[in-house]
């Protein structure tokens, strides 16, 4: 299986939400569609510095996600991702 990674797009919404629900379940977070929808808005709209990435399998379905955001590293005088 080959994997392609790209930024999220609006058509990813349904599959992204399912993956994010599974992510929250893995970390034993309570189900909360409000949080899922809000986080989607942040990553798809690049709000709060978020960058939403998705991984696609050979069939074009989403198989993974990453939600990135820059953060300051004062001890190094840098910004990390």
Protein backbone atom coordinates (compact mmCIF):
# COMPACT_ATOMS: atom_id res chain seq x y z
CA UNK A 1 0.00 0.00 0.00
CA UNK A 2 1.29 3.45 -0.84
CA UNK A 3 0.33 6.51 1.19
CA UNK A 4 -0.09 10.08 -0.03
CA UNK A 5 -0.14 12.95 2.48
CA UNK A 6 -1.76 16.30 1.73
CA UNK A 7 -3.61 19.14 3.43
CA UNK A 8 -7.26 18.61 4.30
CA UNK A 9 -9.93 19.78 1.90
CA UNK A 10 -13.67 20.24 2.41
CA UNK A 11 -14.57 16.88 0.77
CA UNK A 12 -12.53 15.16 3.55
CA UNK A 13 -14.99 16.27 6.22
CA UNK A 14 -16.93 13.02 6.79
CA UNK A 15 -13.91 10.69 6.76
CA UNK A 16 -11.78 13.14 8.78
CA UNK A 17 -14.49 13.33 11.46
CA UNK A 18 -14.61 9.54 11.75
CA UNK A 19 -10.82 9.35 12.10
CA UNK A 20 -10.83 12.14 14.68
CA UNK A 21 -13.57 10.41 16.68
CA UNK A 22 -11.43 7.25 16.69
CA UNK A 23 -8.40 9.32 17.78
CA UNK A 24 -10.40 10.73 20.70
CA UNK A 25 -11.66 7.26 21.62
CA UNK A 26 -8.09 5.89 21.63
CA UNK A 27 -7.12 8.58 24.15
CA UNK A 28 -10.23 7.74 26.20
CA UNK A 29 -11.83 11.12 25.63
CA UNK A 30 -15.59 11.36 25.90
CA UNK A 31 -17.48 11.43 22.58
CA UNK A 32 -18.22 15.05 21.68
CA UNK A 33 -19.33 15.97 18.17
CA UNK A 34 -19.05 19.66 19.07
CA UNK A 35 -15.32 19.24 19.71
CA UNK A 36 -14.92 17.23 16.50
CA UNK A 37 -16.70 19.90 14.42
CA UNK A 38 -14.82 22.74 16.09
CA UNK A 39 -11.46 21.04 15.53
CA UNK A 40 -12.37 20.41 11.87
CA UNK A 41 -13.10 24.13 11.50
CA UNK A 42 -9.72 24.96 13.02
CA UNK A 43 -7.69 22.58 10.83
CA UNK A 44 -9.60 23.09 7.58
CA UNK A 45 -9.60 26.87 8.02
CA UNK A 46 -6.04 27.08 9.35
CA UNK A 47 -7.37 28.81 12.47
CA UNK A 48 -5.13 29.24 15.52
CA UNK A 49 -2.13 28.31 13.38
CA UNK A 50 -3.38 24.76 12.77
CA UNK A 51 -2.41 22.85 9.66
CA UNK A 52 -4.53 19.78 8.97
CA UNK A 53 -2.95 16.91 7.06
CA UNK A 54 -4.49 13.65 5.91
CA UNK A 55 -3.00 10.40 4.64
CA UNK A 56 -4.74 8.64 1.76
CA UNK A 57 -4.46 4.97 0.88
CA UNK A 58 -4.38 3.53 -2.63
CA UNK A 59 -8.17 3.61 -2.82
CA UNK A 60 -8.29 7.34 -2.00
CA UNK A 61 -9.84 6.83 1.43
CA UNK A 62 -8.36 8.58 4.44
CA UNK A 63 -6.22 6.29 6.59
CA UNK A 64 -4.67 8.84 8.94
CA UNK A 65 -4.57 12.44 10.05
CA UNK A 66 -2.22 14.92 11.65
CA UNK A 67 -3.14 18.25 13.18
CA UNK A 68 -0.06 20.45 13.39
CA UNK A 69 0.53 23.86 14.90
CA UNK A 70 3.62 25.89 15.59
CA UNK A 71 4.71 26.40 19.19
CA UNK A 72 7.45 28.54 20.73
CA UNK A 73 10.58 26.91 22.15
CA UNK A 74 11.97 29.64 24.37
CA UNK A 75 14.98 27.60 25.47
CA UNK A 76 16.13 27.30 21.85
CA UNK A 77 14.80 30.65 20.58
CA UNK A 78 12.88 28.78 17.87
CA UNK A 79 9.41 27.86 16.79
CA UNK A 80 8.67 24.15 16.55
CA UNK A 81 5.96 22.30 14.66
